[in-house]
């Protein structure tokens, strides 16, 4: 991705004018326009509707903007850590990126606290606490980092049968309906589910959840003819909307049944066996991980700890997706 083109895109969005953005960026207007065209060509959609006096974001441009801003911010933060030698700054790189860990494990940040506990417990069975670290990322990022050999192993919700690295399925979850207090799913059947879903706006999770769960989401929307949505990108927003009686949703069962504290939130939920595709909980091991000695025994250990710590265990942790 062309970073100058991304910065130009953000500048035009801010000023709503190519000429003003060019002046503020100290480049010519043709240069600014060329950067935007190059970015649009690489993305495959128009970012702006251009007029004589202003440039207005298209719906696609408005959707893309926060991801562009986040990318620029993340790169700026990384540069600040890696490129500055100001002694007054925290020793971020030395203490975080430069700390000598032997192996790195990734965990899908939608998995419950018991899943994180299973990964940590499995790691501690083999390594000392100073020899590994665990990082929480969206499933799509965990998968990318495994393929890029930047994680040794990872635990994630998987909607695909094949990945370009070794995988072991350590659990299979039904989907679960999460609905407002005071409502009841009369029976676990397609007609009852369709009737209850029709009463509320459906909470649809935005990227990266949307892209990763597209197969399940598409099946759900088409099968149950869902037409009213409220888009969120955070578990806490979902929880508030459902608790206040505005919305309803469907998520992997482990998200809402994984821990005692989650049950204490008092949102009614119901498993939906047979009504929607199940979702796998998968351990992936990269080539780098194999070189570091991570084997199928790690996946077996995670599966064992998950079996020993079933949903509803009394020492459950906090809500997933609220990091």
Protein backbone atom coordinates (compact mmCIF):
# COMPACT_ATOMS: atom_id res chain seq x y z
CA UNK A 1 0.00 0.00 0.00
CA UNK A 2 1.32 3.44 -1.00
CA UNK A 3 1.65 5.41 2.25
CA UNK A 4 1.84 8.78 0.50
CA UNK A 5 -1.37 7.94 -1.33
CA UNK A 6 -3.02 6.98 1.98
CA UNK A 7 -1.91 10.25 3.58
CA UNK A 8 -3.24 12.13 0.57
CA UNK A 9 -6.55 10.33 0.89
CA UNK A 10 -6.84 11.35 4.56
CA UNK A 11 -5.89 14.94 3.73
CA UNK A 12 -8.56 15.24 1.03
CA UNK A 13 -11.15 13.68 3.35
CA UNK A 14 -10.23 16.25 6.02
CA UNK A 15 -10.32 19.31 3.77
CA UNK A 16 -13.05 18.01 1.40
CA UNK A 17 -11.04 19.57 -1.38
CA UNK A 18 -8.16 18.28 -3.48
CA UNK A 19 -6.73 21.77 -3.93
CA UNK A 20 -6.81 22.57 -0.19
CA UNK A 21 -5.35 19.19 0.68
CA UNK A 22 -2.56 19.68 -1.86
CA UNK A 23 -1.74 23.12 -0.45
CA UNK A 24 -1.69 21.78 3.10
CA UNK A 25 0.58 18.91 2.06
CA UNK A 26 2.88 21.18 0.03
CA UNK A 27 2.36 19.27 -3.22
CA UNK A 28 0.75 20.29 -6.49
CA UNK A 29 -2.89 19.54 -7.19
CA UNK A 30 -2.03 17.21 -10.13
CA UNK A 31 0.28 15.24 -7.82
CA UNK A 32 -2.47 14.90 -5.24
CA UNK A 33 -4.98 13.81 -7.88
CA UNK A 34 -2.52 11.27 -9.29
CA UNK A 35 -1.98 9.74 -5.85
CA UNK A 36 -5.72 9.39 -5.31
CA UNK A 37 -6.23 7.76 -8.71
CA UNK A 38 -3.40 5.33 -8.00
CA UNK A 39 -4.94 4.39 -4.66
CA UNK A 40 -8.41 3.98 -6.14
CA UNK A 41 -7.04 1.76 -8.90
CA UNK A 42 -5.28 -0.48 -6.39
CA UNK A 43 -8.39 -0.74 -4.21
CA UNK A 44 -10.85 -1.25 -7.04
CA UNK A 45 -13.38 1.39 -5.99
CA UNK A 46 -13.82 5.16 -5.99
CA UNK A 47 -13.00 7.00 -2.78
CA UNK A 48 -14.49 10.39 -3.66
CA UNK A 49 -17.20 11.93 -5.74
CA UNK A 50 -15.33 14.86 -7.23
CA UNK A 51 -16.99 18.19 -7.98
CA UNK A 52 -15.78 21.65 -9.01
CA UNK A 53 -15.58 22.88 -5.44
CA UNK A 54 -15.40 19.84 -3.19
CA UNK A 55 -14.60 16.15 -2.93
CA UNK A 56 -17.18 14.07 -1.05
CA UNK A 57 -16.44 10.59 0.25
CA UNK A 58 -18.27 7.76 -1.49
CA UNK A 59 -19.85 5.13 0.80
CA UNK A 60 -16.85 2.93 0.04
CA UNK A 61 -14.48 5.78 0.87
CA UNK A 62 -16.23 6.46 4.17
CA UNK A 63 -15.98 2.78 5.09
CA UNK A 64 -12.31 2.60 4.13
CA UNK A 65 -11.27 5.80 5.93
CA UNK A 66 -11.00 4.50 9.54
CA UNK A 67 -8.87 1.58 8.36
CA UNK A 68 -6.54 3.96 6.50
CA UNK A 69 -6.32 6.23 9.55
CA UNK A 70 -5.61 3.26 11.82
CA UNK A 71 -2.88 1.98 9.52
CA UNK A 72 -1.14 5.36 9.42
CA UNK A 73 -1.45 5.67 13.22
CA UNK A 74 -0.08 2.16 13.81
CA UNK A 75 2.89 2.82 11.54
CA UNK A 76 3.52 6.14 13.27
CA UNK A 77 3.45 4.44 16.68
CA UNK A 78 5.86 1.75 15.51
CA UNK A 79 8.18 4.39 14.09
CA UNK A 80 8.09 6.31 17.38
CA UNK A 81 9.14 3.20 19.29
CA UNK A 82 11.80 2.04 16.87
CA UNK A 83 13.21 5.30 15.56
CA UNK A 84 13.53 7.58 18.58
CA UNK A 85 16.43 7.53 20.99
CA UNK A 86 15.18 10.23 23.35
CA UNK A 87 16.25 9.04 26.83
CA UNK A 88 13.15 10.62 28.35
CA UNK A 89 10.93 8.20 26.46
CA UNK A 90 9.91 4.84 27.97
CA UNK A 91 12.16 1.98 26.95
CA UNK A 92 9.37 0.59 24.80
CA UNK A 93 11.39 -1.29 22.24
CA UNK A 94 13.89 -2.77 24.68
CA UNK A 95 11.19 -3.86 27.10
CA UNK A 96 8.58 -5.06 24.63
CA UNK A 97 9.85 -5.88 21.15
CA UNK A 98 13.43 -6.54 22.23
CA UNK A 99 12.64 -8.80 25.18
CA UNK A 100 14.09 -12.23 24.40
CA UNK A 101 11.09 -14.57 24.23
CA UNK A 102 11.61 -18.04 22.87
CA UNK A 103 8.14 -18.58 21.43
CA UNK A 104 5.13 -16.37 20.70
CA UNK A 105 1.55 -17.62 20.87
CA UNK A 106 -1.44 -15.81 19.38
CA UNK A 107 -5.02 -16.00 20.61
CA UNK A 108 -8.11 -14.87 18.71
CA UNK A 109 -9.45 -11.97 20.78
CA UNK A 110 -13.00 -13.31 20.40
CA UNK A 111 -12.16 -16.46 22.30
CA UNK A 112 -13.11 -16.62 25.98
CA UNK A 113 -10.84 -16.23 28.97
CA UNK A 114 -10.79 -20.00 29.47
CA UNK A 115 -9.27 -20.32 25.98
CA UNK A 116 -6.51 -17.88 26.89
CA UNK A 117 -5.99 -19.82 30.11
CA UNK A 118 -5.67 -23.06 28.13
CA UNK A 119 -2.95 -21.53 25.92
CA UNK A 120 -1.02 -20.09 28.88
CA UNK A 121 -1.32 -23.34 30.86
CA UNK A 122 -0.10 -25.36 27.86
CA UNK A 123 2.83 -23.01 27.35
CA UNK A 124 3.80 -23.18 31.02
CA UNK A 125 3.87 -26.97 30.82
CA UNK A 126 6.83 -26.68 28.45
CA UNK A 127 8.42 -23.25 28.87
CA UNK A 128 9.35 -20.95 31.71
CA UNK A 129 7.37 -17.74 32.08
CA UNK A 130 10.27 -15.75 30.57
CA UNK A 131 10.49 -18.00 27.52
CA UNK A 132 7.18 -17.18 25.85
CA UNK A 133 4.55 -14.50 25.45
CA UNK A 134 0.91 -14.47 24.35
CA UNK A 135 -0.55 -11.81 22.08
CA UNK A 136 -4.26 -11.24 21.41
CA UNK A 137 -5.30 -10.37 17.85
CA UNK A 138 -8.32 -10.79 15.55
CA UNK A 139 -8.53 -14.25 14.01
CA UNK A 140 -7.61 -12.91 10.58
CA UNK A 141 -4.44 -11.36 11.97
CA UNK A 142 -3.50 -14.51 13.91
CA UNK A 143 -3.87 -16.49 10.68
CA UNK A 144 -1.79 -13.98 8.69
CA UNK A 145 0.97 -13.93 11.32
CA UNK A 146 1.12 -17.73 11.37
CA UNK A 147 1.46 -17.81 7.60
CA UNK A 148 4.18 -15.13 7.81
CA UNK A 149 6.02 -17.13 10.51
CA UNK A 150 5.68 -14.28 13.01
CA UNK A 151 3.79 -16.48 15.48
CA UNK A 152 4.91 -19.91 16.57
CA UNK A 153 1.39 -21.13 17.29
CA UNK A 154 -2.08 -19.68 17.63
CA UNK A 155 -5.60 -20.50 18.79
CA UNK A 156 -8.46 -19.08 16.75
CA UNK A 157 -12.00 -19.51 15.48
CA UNK A 158 -11.70 -21.02 12.01
CA UNK A 159 -14.31 -20.99 9.27
CA UNK A 160 -12.06 -22.58 6.63
CA UNK A 161 -11.02 -26.20 6.15
CA UNK A 162 -7.52 -25.47 4.85
CA UNK A 163 -4.73 -23.16 5.98
CA UNK A 164 -1.16 -22.84 4.67
CA UNK A 165 0.26 -24.21 7.95
CA UNK A 166 -0.37 -27.17 10.23
CA UNK A 167 -3.72 -27.07 12.08
CA UNK A 168 -5.53 -29.19 14.66
CA UNK A 169 -9.19 -28.67 15.52
CA UNK A 170 -9.39 -28.68 19.34
CA UNK A 171 -13.07 -27.83 19.70
CA UNK A 172 -16.28 -27.35 17.77
CA UNK A 173 -18.88 -24.81 18.85
CA UNK A 174 -22.50 -24.27 17.93
CA UNK A 175 -23.68 -20.76 17.28
CA UNK A 176 -25.71 -19.11 20.05
CA UNK A 177 -28.54 -16.60 20.01
CA UNK A 178 -28.09 -13.64 22.36
CA UNK A 179 -31.37 -11.85 23.00
CA UNK A 180 -32.83 -9.12 25.26
CA UNK A 181 -33.84 -9.83 28.86
CA UNK A 182 -37.47 -10.84 29.11
CA UNK A 183 -37.59 -12.52 25.71
CA UNK A 184 -37.64 -16.26 25.14
CA UNK A 185 -36.77 -18.51 22.22
CA UNK A 186 -39.85 -20.74 22.46
CA UNK A 187 -38.09 -23.71 20.90
CA UNK A 188 -34.84 -24.44 19.11
CA UNK A 189 -36.31 -24.52 15.62
CA UNK A 190 -35.94 -22.52 12.43
CA UNK A 191 -39.47 -21.02 12.58
CA UNK A 192 -39.10 -19.95 16.22
CA UNK A 193 -35.67 -18.45 15.57
CA UNK A 194 -36.89 -16.59 12.48
CA UNK A 195 -39.86 -15.16 14.40
CA UNK A 196 -37.71 -13.90 17.27
CA UNK A 197 -35.06 -12.45 14.95
CA UNK A 198 -37.74 -10.53 13.05
CA UNK A 199 -38.65 -8.49 16.14
CA UNK A 200 -35.29 -6.75 16.52
CA UNK A 201 -32.44 -5.16 14.65
CA UNK A 202 -29.66 -7.67 14.19
CA UNK A 203 -26.22 -6.76 15.54
CA UNK A 204 -23.79 -7.27 12.67
CA UNK A 205 -20.14 -7.20 13.61
CA UNK A 206 -17.88 -5.23 11.30
CA UNK A 207 -14.38 -6.18 10.18
CA UNK A 208 -12.33 -8.15 11.03
CA UNK A 209 -15.14 -10.33 12.41
CA UNK A 210 -17.39 -9.77 9.39
CA UNK A 211 -14.88 -10.95 6.80
CA UNK A 212 -13.75 -13.95 8.84
CA UNK A 213 -17.29 -15.14 9.63
CA UNK A 214 -18.75 -14.28 6.21
CA UNK A 215 -19.80 -17.85 5.48
CA UNK A 216 -21.82 -18.11 8.68
CA UNK A 217 -23.15 -14.55 8.50
CA UNK A 218 -24.32 -14.93 4.90
CA UNK A 219 -26.07 -18.21 5.70
CA UNK A 220 -27.76 -16.62 8.70
CA UNK A 221 -28.99 -13.54 6.82
CA UNK A 222 -30.27 -15.49 3.83
CA UNK A 223 -31.85 -18.39 5.75
CA UNK A 224 -33.69 -16.22 8.27
CA UNK A 225 -34.39 -13.28 5.93
CA UNK A 226 -32.79 -10.68 8.18
CA UNK A 227 -33.17 -7.16 6.81
CA UNK A 228 -32.70 -4.77 9.76
CA UNK A 229 -29.18 -4.30 11.09
CA UNK A 230 -27.14 -2.32 13.61
CA UNK A 231 -23.42 -2.49 12.79
CA UNK A 232 -20.92 -2.53 15.67
CA UNK A 233 -17.23 -3.31 16.03
CA UNK A 234 -17.09 -3.96 19.77
CA UNK A 235 -18.56 -6.60 22.08
CA UNK A 236 -19.47 -4.00 24.72
CA UNK A 237 -21.64 -2.06 22.26
CA UNK A 238 -23.40 -5.28 21.32
CA UNK A 239 -24.03 -6.01 24.98
CA UNK A 240 -25.48 -2.55 25.67
CA UNK A 241 -27.82 -2.63 22.66
CA UNK A 242 -29.17 -6.07 23.52
CA UNK A 243 -29.52 -5.33 27.24
CA UNK A 244 -31.54 -2.19 26.40
CA UNK A 245 -33.91 -4.22 24.26
CA UNK A 246 -32.98 -2.77 20.89
CA UNK A 247 -31.12 -5.61 19.22
CA UNK A 248 -30.44 -9.32 18.98
CA UNK A 249 -27.51 -11.29 17.56
CA UNK A 250 -25.89 -14.67 16.98
CA UNK A 251 -22.29 -15.41 17.99
CA UNK A 252 -20.17 -18.52 18.63
CA UNK A 253 -21.43 -20.17 21.82
CA UNK A 254 -18.08 -19.85 23.59
CA UNK A 255 -18.26 -16.07 23.35
CA UNK A 256 -21.24 -15.91 25.72
CA UNK A 257 -21.03 -19.24 27.55
CA UNK A 258 -17.29 -19.33 28.16
CA UNK A 259 -17.00 -17.93 31.67
CA UNK A 260 -18.90 -17.35 34.88
CA UNK A 261 -18.52 -13.55 34.59
CA UNK A 262 -20.05 -13.65 31.13
CA UNK A 263 -23.09 -15.49 32.50
CA UNK A 264 -23.32 -12.91 35.25
CA UNK A 265 -24.03 -10.25 32.62
CA UNK A 266 -27.56 -11.71 32.61
CA UNK A 267 -28.08 -11.61 28.86
CA UNK A 268 -30.20 -14.60 27.85
CA UNK A 269 -28.61 -16.88 25.30
CA UNK A 270 -29.47 -20.17 23.63
CA UNK A 271 -27.39 -22.60 21.65
CA UNK A 272 -28.61 -23.23 18.10
CA UNK A 273 -27.50 -26.78 17.27
CA UNK A 274 -28.30 -27.77 13.70
CA UNK A 275 -29.69 -24.37 12.73
CA UNK A 276 -26.42 -22.81 11.57
CA UNK A 277 -22.95 -24.06 10.58
CA UNK A 278 -20.73 -24.88 13.53
CA UNK A 279 -17.42 -23.10 13.98
CA UNK A 280 -14.08 -24.76 14.74
CA UNK A 281 -11.69 -23.74 17.49
CA UNK A 282 -8.33 -24.41 15.87
CA UNK A 283 -4.68 -24.50 16.88
CA UNK A 284 -2.28 -23.48 14.11
CA UNK A 285 1.47 -24.12 14.20
CA UNK A 286 3.75 -22.23 11.83
CA UNK A 287 6.92 -23.55 10.22
CA UNK A 288 8.86 -21.26 12.57
CA UNK A 289 7.00 -22.77 15.49
CA UNK A 290 8.01 -26.26 14.43
CA UNK A 291 11.62 -25.09 14.26
CA UNK A 292 11.20 -23.82 17.84
CA UNK A 293 9.94 -27.20 18.98
CA UNK A 294 6.19 -26.55 19.04
CA UNK A 295 4.47 -29.80 18.04
CA UNK A 296 1.03 -31.39 17.90
CA UNK A 297 1.47 -32.02 21.63
CA UNK A 298 0.74 -28.32 22.20
CA UNK A 299 -2.62 -28.64 20.43
CA UNK A 300 -3.42 -31.76 22.47
CA UNK A 301 -2.54 -29.90 25.66
CA UNK A 302 -4.81 -26.96 24.75
CA UNK A 303 -7.64 -29.39 24.00
CA UNK A 304 -7.10 -31.12 27.35
CA UNK A 305 -7.20 -27.87 29.31
CA UNK A 306 -10.35 -26.78 27.47
CA UNK A 307 -12.00 -30.08 28.37
CA UNK A 308 -10.93 -29.74 32.00
CA UNK A 309 -12.21 -26.14 32.17
CA UNK A 310 -15.65 -26.32 30.54
CA UNK A 311 -17.89 -23.31 29.89
CA UNK A 312 -19.15 -21.90 33.15
CA UNK A 313 -16.04 -22.69 35.19
CA UNK A 314 -16.15 -20.78 38.50
CA UNK A 315 -12.98 -18.76 37.97
CA UNK A 316 -13.85 -17.32 34.55
CA UNK A 317 -12.42 -14.02 33.39
CA UNK A 318 -13.73 -10.93 31.66
CA UNK A 319 -15.71 -10.42 28.51
CA UNK A 320 -14.05 -11.20 25.18
CA UNK A 321 -13.56 -8.52 22.61
CA UNK A 322 -13.38 -5.73 25.17
CA UNK A 323 -9.64 -5.17 25.08
